[in-house]
Protein backbone atom coordinates (compact mmCIF):
# COMPACT_ATOMS: atom_id res chain seq x y z
CA UNK A 1 0.00 0.00 0.00
CA UNK A 2 1.42 3.37 -1.00
CA UNK A 3 0.50 6.44 1.02
CA UNK A 4 0.22 9.86 -0.56
CA UNK A 5 2.97 12.32 0.34
CA UNK A 6 0.52 14.27 2.50
CA UNK A 7 0.24 11.35 4.98
CA UNK A 8 3.91 10.43 4.98
CA UNK A 9 4.63 12.20 8.30
CA UNK A 10 1.73 10.53 10.19
CA UNK A 11 2.48 7.55 12.48
CA UNK A 12 1.36 4.14 11.28
CA UNK A 13 0.66 0.93 13.21
CA UNK A 14 3.30 -1.63 12.28
CA UNK A 15 0.92 -4.54 12.97
CA UNK A 16 -2.15 -3.57 10.90
CA UNK A 17 -0.70 -0.62 8.88
CA UNK A 18 -3.51 1.77 9.89
CA UNK A 19 -2.54 5.46 9.83
CA UNK A 20 -3.15 7.94 12.69
CA UNK A 21 -3.00 11.72 13.13
CA UNK A 22 -0.69 11.69 16.16
CA UNK A 23 1.33 9.33 18.34
CA UNK A 24 -1.22 9.42 21.21
CA UNK A 25 -3.94 8.00 18.93
CA UNK A 26 -1.51 5.28 17.81
CA UNK A 27 -0.74 4.33 21.44
CA UNK A 28 -4.44 4.13 22.31
CA UNK A 29 -5.07 1.97 19.23
CA UNK A 30 -2.26 -0.44 20.10
CA UNK A 31 -3.40 -0.70 23.73
CA UNK A 32 -7.03 -1.40 22.80
CA UNK A 33 -6.72 -3.50 19.63
CA UNK A 34 -3.39 -5.30 19.89
CA UNK A 35 -3.00 -5.52 23.72
CA UNK A 36 0.74 -4.83 23.64
CA UNK A 37 0.90 -4.12 27.40
CA UNK A 38 -0.23 -7.67 28.23
CA UNK A 39 2.47 -9.13 26.03
CA UNK A 40 5.19 -7.04 27.70
CA UNK A 41 4.14 -7.97 31.27
CA UNK A 42 4.55 -11.70 30.60
CA UNK A 43 8.22 -11.44 29.70
CA UNK A 44 10.72 -13.34 31.81
CA UNK A 45 14.50 -13.47 31.67
CA UNK A 46 15.90 -16.07 29.30
CA UNK A 47 18.17 -18.80 30.66
CA UNK A 48 21.67 -17.44 30.93
CA UNK A 49 20.66 -13.76 31.24
CA UNK A 50 22.74 -11.86 33.77
CA UNK A 51 21.36 -8.89 35.72
CA UNK A 52 23.65 -6.40 37.44
CA UNK A 53 22.22 -4.66 40.51
PDB file of N, CA and C in Angstrom:
ATOM      1  N   UNK A   1       0.839  -1.171   0.000  1.00  0.00           N
ATOM      2  CA  UNK A   1       0.000   0.000   0.000  1.00  0.00           C
ATOM      3  C   UNK A   1       0.885   1.236   0.000  1.00  0.00           C
ATOM      4  N   UNK A   2       0.631   2.150  -0.890  1.00  0.00           N
ATOM      5  CA  UNK A   2       1.417   3.373  -1.000  1.00  0.00           C
ATOM      6  C   UNK A   2       0.596   4.530  -0.460  1.00  0.00           C
ATOM      7  N   UNK A   3       1.187   5.276   0.465  1.00  0.00           N
ATOM      8  CA  UNK A   3       0.504   6.437   1.024  1.00  0.00           C
ATOM      9  C   UNK A   3       0.832   7.678   0.209  1.00  0.00           C
ATOM     10  N   UNK A   4      -0.107   8.598   0.103  1.00  0.00           N
ATOM     11  CA  UNK A   4       0.216   9.857  -0.563  1.00  0.00           C
ATOM     12  C   UNK A   4       1.232  10.648   0.268  1.00  0.00           C
ATOM     13  N   UNK A   5       1.950  11.542  -0.356  1.00  0.00           N
ATOM     14  CA  UNK A   5       2.975  12.317   0.337  1.00  0.00           C
ATOM     15  C   UNK A   5       2.411  13.139   1.485  1.00  0.00           C
ATOM     16  N   UNK A   6       1.138  13.472   1.442  1.00  0.00           N
ATOM     17  CA  UNK A   6       0.517  14.267   2.502  1.00  0.00           C
ATOM     18  C   UNK A   6       0.512  13.494   3.819  1.00  0.00           C
ATOM     19  N   UNK A   7       0.331  12.177   3.782  1.00  0.00           N
ATOM     20  CA  UNK A   7       0.241  11.354   4.984  1.00  0.00           C
ATOM     21  C   UNK A   7       1.569  10.739   5.396  1.00  0.00           C
ATOM     22  N   UNK A   8       2.629  11.076   4.738  1.00  0.00           N
ATOM     23  CA  UNK A   8       3.910  10.435   4.984  1.00  0.00           C
ATOM     24  C   UNK A   8       4.448  10.703   6.390  1.00  0.00           C
ATOM     25  N   UNK A   9       4.113  11.840   6.979  1.00  0.00           N
ATOM     26  CA  UNK A   9       4.634  12.203   8.298  1.00  0.00           C
ATOM     27  C   UNK A   9       3.787  11.645   9.439  1.00  0.00           C
ATOM     28  N   UNK A  10       2.614  11.065   9.157  1.00  0.00           N
ATOM     29  CA  UNK A  10       1.735  10.532  10.191  1.00  0.00           C
ATOM     30  C   UNK A  10       2.220   9.165  10.665  1.00  0.00           C
ATOM     31  N   UNK A  11       2.081   8.874  11.976  1.00  0.00           N
ATOM     32  CA  UNK A  11       2.478   7.554  12.479  1.00  0.00           C
ATOM     33  C   UNK A  11       1.559   6.466  11.953  1.00  0.00           C
ATOM     34  N   UNK A  12       2.102   5.263  11.826  1.00  0.00           N
ATOM     35  CA  UNK A  12       1.355   4.141  11.284  1.00  0.00           C
ATOM     36  C   UNK A  12       1.603   2.912  12.148  1.00  0.00           C
ATOM     37  N   UNK A  13       0.550   2.151  12.417  1.00  0.00           N
ATOM     38  CA  UNK A  13       0.662   0.931  13.212  1.00  0.00           C
ATOM     39  C   UNK A  13       1.447  -0.102  12.404  1.00  0.00           C
ATOM     40  N   UNK A  14       2.476  -0.670  13.007  1.00  0.00           N
ATOM     41  CA  UNK A  14       3.301  -1.633  12.281  1.00  0.00           C
ATOM     42  C   UNK A  14       2.649  -3.007  12.205  1.00  0.00           C
ATOM     43  N   UNK A  15       1.576  -3.235  12.990  1.00  0.00           N
ATOM     44  CA  UNK A  15       0.924  -4.540  12.968  1.00  0.00           C
ATOM     45  C   UNK A  15      -0.203  -4.605  11.939  1.00  0.00           C
ATOM     46  N   UNK A  16      -1.020  -3.531  11.838  1.00  0.00           N
ATOM     47  CA  UNK A  16      -2.150  -3.566  10.905  1.00  0.00           C
ATOM     48  C   UNK A  16      -2.038  -2.485   9.824  1.00  0.00           C
ATOM     49  N   UNK A  17      -0.999  -1.648   9.883  1.00  0.00           N
ATOM     50  CA  UNK A  17      -0.704  -0.624   8.883  1.00  0.00           C
ATOM     51  C   UNK A  17      -1.783   0.452   8.775  1.00  0.00           C
ATOM     52  N   UNK A  18      -2.510   0.700   9.871  1.00  0.00           N
ATOM     53  CA  UNK A  18      -3.510   1.768   9.895  1.00  0.00           C
ATOM     54  C   UNK A  18      -2.824   3.071  10.271  1.00  0.00           C
ATOM     55  N   UNK A  19      -3.143   4.161   9.578  1.00  0.00           N
ATOM     56  CA  UNK A  19      -2.535   5.457   9.835  1.00  0.00           C
ATOM     57  C   UNK A  19      -3.290   6.249  10.883  1.00  0.00           C
ATOM     58  N   UNK A  20      -2.567   7.116  11.636  1.00  0.00           N
ATOM     59  CA  UNK A  20      -3.150   7.937  12.688  1.00  0.00           C
ATOM     60  C   UNK A  20      -2.636   9.365  12.586  1.00  0.00           C
ATOM     61  N   UNK A  21      -3.377  10.307  13.198  1.00  0.00           N
ATOM     62  CA  UNK A  21      -3.001  11.719  13.126  1.00  0.00           C
ATOM     63  C   UNK A  21      -1.849  12.059  14.057  1.00  0.00           C
ATOM     64  N   UNK A  22      -1.777  11.401  15.222  1.00  0.00           N
ATOM     65  CA  UNK A  22      -0.687  11.687  16.160  1.00  0.00           C
ATOM     66  C   UNK A  22      -0.301  10.414  16.914  1.00  0.00           C
ATOM     67  N   UNK A  23       0.774  10.492  17.665  1.00  0.00           N
ATOM     68  CA  UNK A  23       1.327   9.326  18.344  1.00  0.00           C
ATOM     69  C   UNK A  23       0.428   8.862  19.487  1.00  0.00           C
ATOM     70  N   UNK A  24      -0.314   9.792  20.118  1.00  0.00           N
ATOM     71  CA  UNK A  24      -1.218   9.418  21.207  1.00  0.00           C
ATOM     72  C   UNK A  24      -2.342   8.519  20.696  1.00  0.00           C
ATOM     73  N   UNK A  25      -2.898   8.844  19.525  1.00  0.00           N
ATOM     74  CA  UNK A  25      -3.940   8.000  18.931  1.00  0.00           C
ATOM     75  C   UNK A  25      -3.388   6.608  18.597  1.00  0.00           C
ATOM     76  N   UNK A  26      -2.151   6.567  18.121  1.00  0.00           N
ATOM     77  CA  UNK A  26      -1.513   5.285  17.805  1.00  0.00           C
ATOM     78  C   UNK A  26      -1.341   4.447  19.066  1.00  0.00           C
ATOM     79  N   UNK A  27      -0.910   5.065  20.177  1.00  0.00           N
ATOM     80  CA  UNK A  27      -0.740   4.333  21.439  1.00  0.00           C
ATOM     81  C   UNK A  27      -2.068   3.779  21.944  1.00  0.00           C
ATOM     82  N   UNK A  28      -3.117   4.593  21.877  1.00  0.00           N
ATOM     83  CA  UNK A  28      -4.440   4.132  22.306  1.00  0.00           C
ATOM     84  C   UNK A  28      -4.902   2.949  21.451  1.00  0.00           C
ATOM     85  N   UNK A  29      -4.693   3.042  20.150  1.00  0.00           N
ATOM     86  CA  UNK A  29      -5.073   1.966  19.228  1.00  0.00           C
ATOM     87  C   UNK A  29      -4.343   0.674  19.579  1.00  0.00           C
ATOM     88  N   UNK A  30      -3.036   0.758  19.797  1.00  0.00           N
ATOM     89  CA  UNK A  30      -2.257  -0.438  20.097  1.00  0.00           C
ATOM     90  C   UNK A  30      -2.647  -1.038  21.439  1.00  0.00           C
ATOM     91  N   UNK A  31      -2.975  -0.190  22.429  1.00  0.00           N
ATOM     92  CA  UNK A  31      -3.403  -0.703  23.729  1.00  0.00           C
ATOM     93  C   UNK A  31      -4.752  -1.401  23.636  1.00  0.00           C
ATOM     94  N   UNK A  32      -5.688  -0.842  22.876  1.00  0.00           N
ATOM     95  CA  UNK A  32      -7.035  -1.398  22.798  1.00  0.00           C
ATOM     96  C   UNK A  32      -7.111  -2.589  21.848  1.00  0.00           C
ATOM     97  N   UNK A  33      -6.538  -2.471  20.666  1.00  0.00           N
ATOM     98  CA  UNK A  33      -6.716  -3.496  19.632  1.00  0.00           C
ATOM     99  C   UNK A  33      -5.693  -4.628  19.746  1.00  0.00           C
ATOM    100  N   UNK A  34      -4.442  -4.296  19.941  1.00  0.00           N
ATOM    101  CA  UNK A  34      -3.386  -5.301  19.888  1.00  0.00           C
ATOM    102  C   UNK A  34      -2.926  -5.781  21.265  1.00  0.00           C
ATOM    103  N   UNK A  35      -3.339  -5.130  22.348  1.00  0.00           N
ATOM    104  CA  UNK A  35      -3.001  -5.524  23.721  1.00  0.00           C
ATOM    105  C   UNK A  35      -1.499  -5.710  23.911  1.00  0.00           C
ATOM    106  N   UNK A  36      -0.704  -4.714  23.539  1.00  0.00           N
ATOM    107  CA  UNK A  36       0.744  -4.832  23.644  1.00  0.00           C
ATOM    108  C   UNK A  36       1.221  -4.816  25.091  1.00  0.00           C
ATOM    109  N   UNK A  37       0.482  -4.158  25.998  1.00  0.00           N
ATOM    110  CA  UNK A  37       0.903  -4.119  27.398  1.00  0.00           C
ATOM    111  C   UNK A  37       0.841  -5.495  28.035  1.00  0.00           C
ATOM    112  N   UNK A  38      -0.145  -6.320  27.681  1.00  0.00           N
ATOM    113  CA  UNK A  38      -0.233  -7.666  28.235  1.00  0.00           C
ATOM    114  C   UNK A  38       0.935  -8.522  27.772  1.00  0.00           C
ATOM    115  N   UNK A  39       1.364  -8.355  26.544  1.00  0.00           N
ATOM    116  CA  UNK A  39       2.475  -9.133  26.033  1.00  0.00           C
ATOM    117  C   UNK A  39       3.777  -8.753  26.734  1.00  0.00           C
ATOM    118  N   UNK A  40       3.954  -7.483  27.061  1.00  0.00           N
ATOM    119  CA  UNK A  40       5.188  -7.041  27.704  1.00  0.00           C
ATOM    120  C   UNK A  40       5.264  -7.518  29.154  1.00  0.00           C
ATOM    121  N   UNK A  41       4.125  -7.606  29.858  1.00  0.00           N
ATOM    122  CA  UNK A  41       4.143  -7.966  31.271  1.00  0.00           C
ATOM    123  C   UNK A  41       4.474  -9.447  31.476  1.00  0.00           C
ATOM    124  N   UNK A  42       4.306 -10.275  30.470  1.00  0.00           N
ATOM    125  CA  UNK A  42       4.555 -11.699  30.604  1.00  0.00           C
ATOM    126  C   UNK A  42       5.993 -12.091  30.295  1.00  0.00           C
ATOM    127  N   UNK A  43       6.842 -11.124  30.051  1.00  0.00           N
ATOM    128  CA  UNK A  43       8.223 -11.445  29.700  1.00  0.00           C
ATOM    129  C   UNK A  43       9.010 -11.874  30.925  1.00  0.00           C
ATOM    130  N   UNK A  44       9.846 -12.854  30.758  1.00  0.00           N
ATOM    131  CA  UNK A  44      10.720 -13.338  31.807  1.00  0.00           C
ATOM    132  C   UNK A  44      12.137 -13.405  31.265  1.00  0.00           C
ATOM    133  N   UNK A  45      13.127 -13.369  32.157  1.00  0.00           N
ATOM    134  CA  UNK A  45      14.501 -13.475  31.666  1.00  0.00           C
ATOM    135  C   UNK A  45      14.758 -14.841  31.025  1.00  0.00           C
ATOM    136  N   UNK A  46      15.530 -14.833  29.984  1.00  0.00           N
ATOM    137  CA  UNK A  46      15.896 -16.073  29.302  1.00  0.00           C
ATOM    138  C   UNK A  46      16.982 -16.786  30.099  1.00  0.00           C
ATOM    139  N   UNK A  47      17.096 -18.089  29.970  1.00  0.00           N
ATOM    140  CA  UNK A  47      18.173 -18.802  30.660  1.00  0.00           C
ATOM    141  C   UNK A  47      19.527 -18.253  30.234  1.00  0.00           C
ATOM    142  N   UNK A  48      20.355 -17.975  31.220  1.00  0.00           N
ATOM    143  CA  UNK A  48      21.673 -17.437  30.933  1.00  0.00           C
ATOM    144  C   UNK A  48      21.760 -15.930  30.984  1.00  0.00           C
ATOM    145  N   UNK A  49      20.627 -15.216  31.129  1.00  0.00           N
ATOM    146  CA  UNK A  49      20.661 -13.764  31.242  1.00  0.00           C
ATOM    147  C   UNK A  49      21.279 -13.373  32.583  1.00  0.00           C
ATOM    148  N   UNK A  50      22.076 -12.326  32.563  1.00  0.00           N
ATOM    149  CA  UNK A  50      22.741 -11.855  33.770  1.00  0.00           C
ATOM    150  C   UNK A  50      22.254 -10.443  34.058  1.00  0.00           C
ATOM    151  N   UNK A  51      21.800 -10.216  35.291  1.00  0.00           N
ATOM    152  CA  UNK A  51      21.356  -8.888  35.719  1.00  0.00           C
ATOM    153  C   UNK A  51      22.364  -8.322  36.699  1.00  0.00           C
ATOM    154  N   UNK A  52      22.710  -7.062  36.542  1.00  0.00           N
ATOM    155  CA  UNK A  52      23.651  -6.401  37.441  1.00  0.00           C
ATOM    156  C   UNK A  52      22.851  -5.419  38.284  1.00  0.00           C
ATOM    157  N   UNK A  53      22.959  -5.553  39.601  1.00  0.00           N
ATOM    158  CA  UNK A  53      22.225  -4.663  40.508  1.00  0.00           C
ATOM    159  C   UNK A  53      23.154  -3.656  41.110  1.00  0.00           C
TER     160      UNK A  53
END
